[in-house]
Amino acid sequence: MSMLTPPGMGGKYRITGDVYPRMRRPHRRRRIVLGATAAVLVLGAAGWGTLQLVDVFSGGDEKTTTAAGRQADCKAAPKPTPSPQAAGAPLPKPAQITVNVYNATPRSGLAKTTADELKKRGFLIGKVGNAPAEYDKKVPGSGMLLGSPGATKGTFSVVGTQLKGATTKVDARTTADVDLIIGTAFKTLDPKATADAALVALNKPKPVPGRC
């Protein structure tokens, strides 16, 4: 029996031989891994701080200033578009426009009743009657405005507030009067309140969308 065998134990518990078991120190791998992780975190934090300092001293504030400037410009961008009146070309008033009313439909009496209503709304009335053969029963929409090229600078727009959907066309005349040719789809002029609102809106500047 070996001296290493405790008293009273034998058999399979008996220790034989003269070689002592080697005692190893606890494994330190876990400590090494934890230490390496902490070192990586410290280095990462130091690197991030360095980048922030570099950005500050290299003009990083320019991005903030630029962004703020763009936002300020965006708010100030919508500027009203000058109306013809503000641009030095005032829109004519209804009392300055002479309208000739012609009926191009098979229905009788439309030219006179339409002319009377336009007169009540402040327009000057010129000729009233049936449309010339060139346009008689050949205007499919609600109506057509016919005038000189100069009428496109405002006269067409003002008369057009009275009849939504009316088309426009220029001819060779040199006078300032405008023809309102009533088309086959015509029912009546737009309600006066609607026409007045359209006329007011026509004289107001329109905002330009900002670029954001």
C-alpha atoms as a PDB file:
ATOM      1  CA  MET A   1       0.000   0.000   0.000  1.00  0.00           C
ATOM      2  CA  SER A   2       1.254   3.447  -0.886  1.00  0.00           C
ATOM      3  CA  MET A   3       1.695   6.113   1.692  1.00  0.00           C
ATOM      4  CA  LEU A   4      -0.786   8.177  -0.308  1.00  0.00           C
ATOM      5  CA  THR A   5      -3.631   5.753   0.349  1.00  0.00           C
ATOM      6  CA  PRO A   6      -5.808   7.038   3.191  1.00  0.00           C
ATOM      7  CA  PRO A   7      -6.134   4.677   6.129  1.00  0.00           C
ATOM      8  CA  GLY A   8      -8.974   2.180   5.802  1.00  0.00           C
ATOM      9  CA  MET A   9      -9.226   2.457   2.008  1.00  0.00           C
ATOM     10  CA  GLY A  10      -8.084  -0.179  -0.331  1.00  0.00           C
ATOM     11  CA  GLY A  11      -9.086  -2.002  -3.414  1.00  0.00           C
ATOM     12  CA  LYS A  12      -9.970   0.292  -6.265  1.00  0.00           C
ATOM     13  CA  TYR A  13      -9.355   3.311  -4.085  1.00  0.00           C
ATOM     14  CA  ARG A  14      -5.808   2.349  -3.439  1.00  0.00           C
ATOM     15  CA  ILE A  15      -3.196   4.661  -4.820  1.00  0.00           C
ATOM     16  CA  THR A  16      -0.061   3.019  -6.040  1.00  0.00           C
ATOM     17  CA  GLY A  17       3.166   4.299  -7.469  1.00  0.00           C
ATOM     18  CA  ASP A  18       5.500   7.035  -6.477  1.00  0.00           C
ATOM     19  CA  VAL A  19       4.361   9.708  -8.972  1.00  0.00           C
ATOM     20  CA  TYR A  20       2.464  12.627  -7.507  1.00  0.00           C
ATOM     21  CA  PRO A  21      -0.367  14.275  -9.509  1.00  0.00           C
ATOM     22  CA  ARG A  22       0.537  17.653 -11.076  1.00  0.00           C
ATOM     23  CA  MET A  23      -1.501  20.614  -9.834  1.00  0.00           C
ATOM     24  CA  ARG A  24      -2.265  23.254 -12.581  1.00  0.00           C
ATOM     25  CA  ARG A  25      -3.111  26.877 -12.018  1.00  0.00           C
ATOM     26  CA  PRO A  26      -6.678  28.025 -12.946  1.00  0.00           C
ATOM     27  CA  HIS A  27      -7.118  28.886 -16.631  1.00  0.00           C
ATOM     28  CA  ARG A  28      -6.930  32.655 -17.289  1.00  0.00           C
ATOM     29  CA  ARG A  29      -8.506  32.749 -20.772  1.00  0.00           C
ATOM     30  CA  ARG A  30     -11.623  34.479 -19.531  1.00  0.00           C
ATOM     31  CA  ARG A  31      -9.599  37.247 -17.954  1.00  0.00           C
ATOM     32  CA  ILE A  32      -7.648  37.713 -21.175  1.00  0.00           C
ATOM     33  CA  VAL A  33     -10.826  37.996 -23.277  1.00  0.00           C
ATOM     34  CA  LEU A  34     -12.386  40.511 -20.910  1.00  0.00           C
ATOM     35  CA  GLY A  35      -9.222  42.553 -20.862  1.00  0.00           C
ATOM     36  CA  ALA A  36      -8.978  42.617 -24.656  1.00  0.00           C
ATOM     37  CA  THR A  37     -12.624  43.692 -24.982  1.00  0.00           C
ATOM     38  CA  ALA A  38     -12.155  46.546 -22.542  1.00  0.00           C
ATOM     39  CA  ALA A  39      -9.061  47.680 -24.434  1.00  0.00           C
ATOM     40  CA  VAL A  40     -10.977  47.739 -27.747  1.00  0.00           C
ATOM     41  CA  LEU A  41     -13.766  49.831 -26.194  1.00  0.00           C
ATOM     42  CA  VAL A  42     -11.293  52.323 -24.755  1.00  0.00           C
ATOM     43  CA  LEU A  43      -9.486  52.671 -28.097  1.00  0.00           C
ATOM     44  CA  GLY A  44     -12.800  53.110 -29.948  1.00  0.00           C
ATOM     45  CA  ALA A  45     -13.939  55.872 -27.603  1.00  0.00           C
ATOM     46  CA  ALA A  46     -10.608  57.637 -27.951  1.00  0.00           C
ATOM     47  CA  GLY A  47     -10.773  57.438 -31.750  1.00  0.00           C
ATOM     48  CA  TRP A  48     -14.312  58.827 -31.873  1.00  0.00           C
ATOM     49  CA  GLY A  49     -13.308  61.750 -29.665  1.00  0.00           C
ATOM     50  CA  THR A  50     -10.365  62.486 -31.936  1.00  0.00           C
ATOM     51  CA  LEU A  51     -12.609  62.537 -35.006  1.00  0.00           C
ATOM     52  CA  GLN A  52     -14.964  64.980 -33.306  1.00  0.00           C
ATOM     53  CA  LEU A  53     -12.110  67.326 -32.513  1.00  0.00           C
ATOM     54  CA  VAL A  54     -10.819  67.142 -36.076  1.00  0.00           C
ATOM     55  CA  ASP A  55     -14.284  67.888 -37.436  1.00  0.00           C
ATOM     56  CA  VAL A  56     -14.667  70.942 -35.196  1.00  0.00           C
ATOM     57  CA  PHE A  57     -11.297  72.442 -36.106  1.00  0.00           C
ATOM     58  CA  SER A  58     -11.651  71.638 -39.805  1.00  0.00           C
ATOM     59  CA  GLY A  59     -14.885  73.617 -40.232  1.00  0.00           C
ATOM     60  CA  GLY A  60     -17.569  71.101 -39.313  1.00  0.00           C
ATOM     61  CA  ASP A  61     -19.804  73.977 -38.295  1.00  0.00           C
ATOM     62  CA  GLU A  62     -20.182  74.868 -41.972  1.00  0.00           C
ATOM     63  CA  LYS A  63     -22.584  71.955 -42.443  1.00  0.00           C
ATOM     64  CA  THR A  64     -24.792  73.222 -39.649  1.00  0.00           C
ATOM     65  CA  THR A  65     -24.631  76.758 -40.965  1.00  0.00           C
ATOM     66  CA  THR A  66     -25.377  75.603 -44.487  1.00  0.00           C
ATOM     67  CA  ALA A  67     -28.317  73.497 -43.363  1.00  0.00           C
ATOM     68  CA  ALA A  68     -29.693  76.361 -41.304  1.00  0.00           C
ATOM     69  CA  GLY A  69     -29.166  78.715 -44.202  1.00  0.00           C
ATOM     70  CA  ARG A  70     -31.020  76.452 -46.575  1.00  0.00           C
ATOM     71  CA  GLN A  71     -33.891  76.174 -44.156  1.00  0.00           C
ATOM     72  CA  ALA A  72     -34.037  79.933 -43.824  1.00  0.00           C
ATOM     73  CA  ASP A  73     -33.916  80.327 -47.603  1.00  0.00           C
ATOM     74  CA  CYS A  74     -36.669  77.728 -47.947  1.00  0.00           C
ATOM     75  CA  LYS A  75     -38.928  79.720 -45.665  1.00  0.00           C
ATOM     76  CA  ALA A  76     -38.189  82.941 -47.482  1.00  0.00           C
ATOM     77  CA  ALA A  77     -38.347  81.399 -50.965  1.00  0.00           C
ATOM     78  CA  PRO A  78     -42.095  81.633 -51.647  1.00  0.00           C
ATOM     79  CA  LYS A  79     -42.341  85.097 -53.162  1.00  0.00           C
ATOM     80  CA  PRO A  80     -45.401  86.439 -54.902  1.00  0.00           C
ATOM     81  CA  THR A  81     -45.326  86.517 -58.651  1.00  0.00           C
ATOM     82  CA  PRO A  82     -46.020  90.052 -59.776  1.00  0.00           C
ATOM     83  CA  SER A  83     -49.411  90.397 -61.401  1.00  0.00           C
ATOM     84  CA  PRO A  84     -49.713  92.295 -64.677  1.00  0.00           C
ATOM     85  CA  GLN A  85     -50.792  95.290 -62.642  1.00  0.00           C
ATOM     86  CA  ALA A  86     -47.664  95.173 -60.432  1.00  0.00           C
ATOM     87  CA  ALA A  87     -45.454  94.627 -63.498  1.00  0.00           C
ATOM     88  CA  GLY A  88     -46.622  97.896 -65.065  1.00  0.00           C
ATOM     89  CA  ALA A  89     -49.354  96.396 -67.269  1.00  0.00           C
ATOM     90  CA  PRO A  90     -52.573  96.872 -65.289  1.00  0.00           C
ATOM     91  CA  LEU A  91     -55.492  94.635 -66.114  1.00  0.00           C
ATOM     92  CA  PRO A  92     -58.357  96.456 -67.756  1.00  0.00           C
ATOM     93  CA  LYS A  93     -61.494  96.939 -65.731  1.00  0.00           C
ATOM     94  CA  PRO A  94     -64.836  95.632 -67.015  1.00  0.00           C
ATOM     95  CA  ALA A  95     -65.912  99.219 -67.733  1.00  0.00           C
ATOM     96  CA  GLN A  96     -62.943  99.538 -70.105  1.00  0.00           C
ATOM     97  CA  ILE A  97     -63.805  96.455 -72.156  1.00  0.00           C
ATOM     98  CA  THR A  98     -66.315  96.431 -75.008  1.00  0.00           C
ATOM     99  CA  VAL A  99     -67.825  93.001 -75.583  1.00  0.00           C
ATOM    100  CA  ASN A 100     -69.686  91.984 -78.751  1.00  0.00           C
ATOM    101  CA  VAL A 101     -72.035  89.087 -78.012  1.00  0.00           C
ATOM    102  CA  TYR A 102     -72.914  86.623 -80.784  1.00  0.00           C
ATOM    103  CA  ASN A 103     -75.116  83.557 -80.626  1.00  0.00           C
ATOM    104  CA  ALA A 104     -73.743  80.507 -82.453  1.00  0.00           C
ATOM    105  CA  THR A 105     -76.419  78.113 -81.168  1.00  0.00           C
ATOM    106  CA  PRO A 106     -79.851  77.143 -82.592  1.00  0.00           C
ATOM    107  CA  ARG A 107     -81.483  78.662 -79.496  1.00  0.00           C
ATOM    108  CA  SER A 108     -82.799  82.181 -79.925  1.00  0.00           C
ATOM    109  CA  GLY A 109     -82.451  85.031 -77.451  1.00  0.00           C
ATOM    110  CA  LEU A 110     -79.146  83.943 -75.866  1.00  0.00           C
ATOM    111  CA  ALA A 111     -77.115  86.834 -77.249  1.00  0.00           C
ATOM    112  CA  LYS A 112     -79.440  89.507 -75.852  1.00  0.00           C
ATOM    113  CA  THR A 113     -79.882  87.975 -72.390  1.00  0.00           C
ATOM    114  CA  THR A 114     -76.132  87.369 -72.079  1.00  0.00           C
ATOM    115  CA  ALA A 115     -75.337  90.905 -73.197  1.00  0.00           C
ATOM    116  CA  ASP A 116     -77.797  92.346 -70.675  1.00  0.00           C
ATOM    117  CA  GLU A 117     -76.168  90.372 -67.859  1.00  0.00           C
ATOM    118  CA  LEU A 118     -72.673  91.462 -68.873  1.00  0.00           C
ATOM    119  CA  LYS A 119     -73.862  95.061 -68.896  1.00  0.00           C
ATOM    120  CA  LYS A 120     -75.129  94.670 -65.328  1.00  0.00           C
ATOM    121  CA  ARG A 121     -71.670  93.403 -64.359  1.00  0.00           C
ATOM    122  CA  GLY A 122     -70.022  96.545 -65.640  1.00  0.00           C
ATOM    123  CA  PHE A 123     -68.929  95.628 -69.175  1.00  0.00           C
ATOM    124  CA  LEU A 124     -69.541  97.817 -72.182  1.00  0.00           C
ATOM    125  CA  ILE A 125     -71.692  96.140 -74.817  1.00  0.00           C
ATOM    126  CA  GLY A 126     -71.059  96.514 -78.528  1.00  0.00           C
ATOM    127  CA  LYS A 127     -72.794  94.463 -81.214  1.00  0.00           C
ATOM    128  CA  VAL A 128     -75.372  91.817 -80.347  1.00  0.00           C
ATOM    129  CA  GLY A 129     -76.737  89.238 -82.778  1.00  0.00           C
ATOM    130  CA  ASN A 130     -76.188  85.925 -84.469  1.00  0.00           C
ATOM    131  CA  ALA A 131     -72.681  84.623 -85.020  1.00  0.00           C
ATOM    132  CA  PRO A 132     -71.043  84.995 -88.448  1.00  0.00           C
ATOM    133  CA  ALA A 133     -71.363  81.995 -90.756  1.00  0.00           C
ATOM    134  CA  GLU A 134     -67.746  81.109 -90.016  1.00  0.00           C
ATOM    135  CA  TYR A 135     -68.700  80.280 -86.394  1.00  0.00           C
ATOM    136  CA  ASP A 136     -72.456  79.675 -86.538  1.00  0.00           C
ATOM    137  CA  LYS A 137     -73.155  76.297 -84.908  1.00  0.00           C
ATOM    138  CA  LYS A 138     -69.417  75.578 -85.025  1.00  0.00           C
ATOM    139  CA  VAL A 139     -68.434  76.408 -81.438  1.00  0.00           C
ATOM    140  CA  PRO A 140     -68.858  73.163 -79.493  1.00  0.00           C
ATOM    141  CA  GLY A 141     -67.887  74.446 -76.036  1.00  0.00           C
ATOM    142  CA  SER A 142     -69.536  76.985 -73.760  1.00  0.00           C
ATOM    143  CA  GLY A 143     -68.127  79.863 -75.732  1.00  0.00           C
ATOM    144  CA  MET A 144     -65.210  81.484 -77.518  1.00  0.00           C
ATOM    145  CA  LEU A 145     -63.479  84.811 -76.968  1.00  0.00           C
ATOM    146  CA  LEU A 146     -62.224  86.382 -80.178  1.00  0.00           C
ATOM    147  CA  GLY A 147     -60.039  89.471 -80.327  1.00  0.00           C
ATOM    148  CA  SER A 148     -56.802  91.082 -81.420  1.00  0.00           C
ATOM    149  CA  PRO A 149     -53.396  89.781 -80.266  1.00  0.00           C
ATOM    150  CA  GLY A 150     -53.362  92.568 -77.685  1.00  0.00           C
ATOM    151  CA  ALA A 151     -56.360  90.993 -75.958  1.00  0.00           C
ATOM    152  CA  THR A 152     -54.118  88.209 -74.680  1.00  0.00           C
ATOM    153  CA  LYS A 153     -52.426  90.683 -72.328  1.00  0.00           C
ATOM    154  CA  GLY A 154     -55.384  90.876 -69.993  1.00  0.00           C
ATOM    155  CA  THR A 155     -58.666  91.451 -71.763  1.00  0.00           C
ATOM    156  CA  PHE A 156     -59.282  87.772 -72.442  1.00  0.00           C
ATOM    157  CA  SER A 157     -58.557  86.958 -68.799  1.00  0.00           C
ATOM    158  CA  VAL A 158     -60.992  89.541 -67.453  1.00  0.00           C
ATOM    159  CA  VAL A 159     -63.859  88.552 -69.751  1.00  0.00           C
ATOM    160  CA  GLY A 160     -63.017  84.885 -69.152  1.00  0.00           C
ATOM    161  CA  THR A 161     -63.883  85.240 -65.466  1.00  0.00           C
ATOM    162  CA  GLN A 162     -67.529  85.520 -66.516  1.00  0.00           C
ATOM    163  CA  LEU A 163     -67.625  82.242 -68.433  1.00  0.00           C
ATOM    164  CA  LYS A 164     -65.426  79.420 -67.232  1.00  0.00           C
ATOM    165  CA  GLY A 165     -64.214  77.143 -69.994  1.00  0.00           C
ATOM    166  CA  ALA A 166     -64.410  79.673 -72.804  1.00  0.00           C
ATOM    167  CA  THR A 167     -61.648  79.240 -75.376  1.00  0.00           C
ATOM    168  CA  THR A 168     -59.691  82.125 -76.880  1.00  0.00           C
ATOM    169  CA  LYS A 169     -58.621  82.966 -80.418  1.00  0.00           C
ATOM    170  CA  VAL A 170     -56.996  85.983 -82.054  1.00  0.00           C
ATOM    171  CA  ASP A 171     -57.790  87.539 -85.393  1.00  0.00           C
ATOM    172  CA  ALA A 172     -56.490  90.399 -87.524  1.00  0.00           C
ATOM    173  CA  ARG A 173     -58.554  93.206 -85.968  1.00  0.00           C
ATOM    174  CA  THR A 174     -56.792  96.247 -84.605  1.00  0.00           C
ATOM    175  CA  THR A 175     -59.569  97.436 -82.289  1.00  0.00           C
ATOM    176  CA  ALA A 176     -59.726  96.677 -78.569  1.00  0.00           C
ATOM    177  CA  ASP A 177     -63.213  95.128 -78.554  1.00  0.00           C
ATOM    178  CA  VAL A 178     -63.720  91.420 -77.879  1.00  0.00           C
ATOM    179  CA  ASP A 179     -66.287  89.019 -79.315  1.00  0.00           C
ATOM    180  CA  LEU A 180     -68.011  86.556 -77.023  1.00  0.00           C
ATOM    181  CA  ILE A 181     -69.391  83.836 -79.286  1.00  0.00           C
ATOM    182  CA  ILE A 182     -71.838  81.644 -77.390  1.00  0.00           C
ATOM    183  CA  GLY A 183     -71.221  77.935 -78.034  1.00  0.00           C
ATOM    184  CA  THR A 184     -73.631  75.019 -78.214  1.00  0.00           C
ATOM    185  CA  ALA A 185     -72.723  73.848 -74.669  1.00  0.00           C
ATOM    186  CA  PHE A 186     -73.568  77.256 -73.174  1.00  0.00           C
ATOM    187  CA  LYS A 187     -76.152  77.348 -70.410  1.00  0.00           C
ATOM    188  CA  THR A 188     -75.580  80.642 -68.626  1.00  0.00           C
ATOM    189  CA  LEU A 189     -72.799  82.910 -67.452  1.00  0.00           C
ATOM    190  CA  ASP A 190     -71.066  81.942 -64.236  1.00  0.00           C
ATOM    191  CA  PRO A 191     -72.847  83.250 -61.110  1.00  0.00           C
ATOM    192  CA  LYS A 192     -71.882  86.833 -60.386  1.00  0.00           C
ATOM    193  CA  ALA A 193     -70.360  85.959 -57.002  1.00  0.00           C
ATOM    194  CA  THR A 194     -68.167  83.318 -58.632  1.00  0.00           C
ATOM    195  CA  ALA A 195     -67.134  85.682 -61.416  1.00  0.00           C
ATOM    196  CA  ASP A 196     -66.331  88.468 -58.954  1.00  0.00           C
ATOM    197  CA  ALA A 197     -64.166  86.125 -56.864  1.00  0.00           C
ATOM    198  CA  ALA A 198     -62.318  84.989 -59.982  1.00  0.00           C
ATOM    199  CA  LEU A 199     -61.732  88.613 -60.959  1.00  0.00           C
ATOM    200  CA  VAL A 200     -60.311  89.418 -57.518  1.00  0.00           C
ATOM    201  CA  ALA A 201     -58.045  86.368 -57.643  1.00  0.00           C
ATOM    202  CA  LEU A 202     -56.853  87.401 -61.078  1.00  0.00           C
ATOM    203  CA  ASN A 203     -55.436  90.623 -59.643  1.00  0.00           C
ATOM    204  CA  LYS A 204     -53.667  88.956 -56.721  1.00  0.00           C
ATOM    205  CA  PRO A 205     -50.022  87.805 -56.956  1.00  0.00           C
ATOM    206  CA  LYS A 206     -49.504  84.057 -56.998  1.00  0.00           C
ATOM    207  CA  PRO A 207     -46.862  82.517 -54.655  1.00  0.00           C
ATOM    208  CA  VAL A 208     -43.957  80.632 -56.205  1.00  0.00           C
ATOM    209  CA  PRO A 209     -43.279  77.207 -54.586  1.00  0.00           C
ATOM    210  CA  GLY A 210     -40.064  77.188 -52.571  1.00  0.00           C
ATOM    211  CA  ARG A 211     -37.159  74.844 -53.336  1.00  0.00           C
ATOM    212  CA  CYS A 212     -36.477  72.709 -50.293  1.00  0.00           C
END
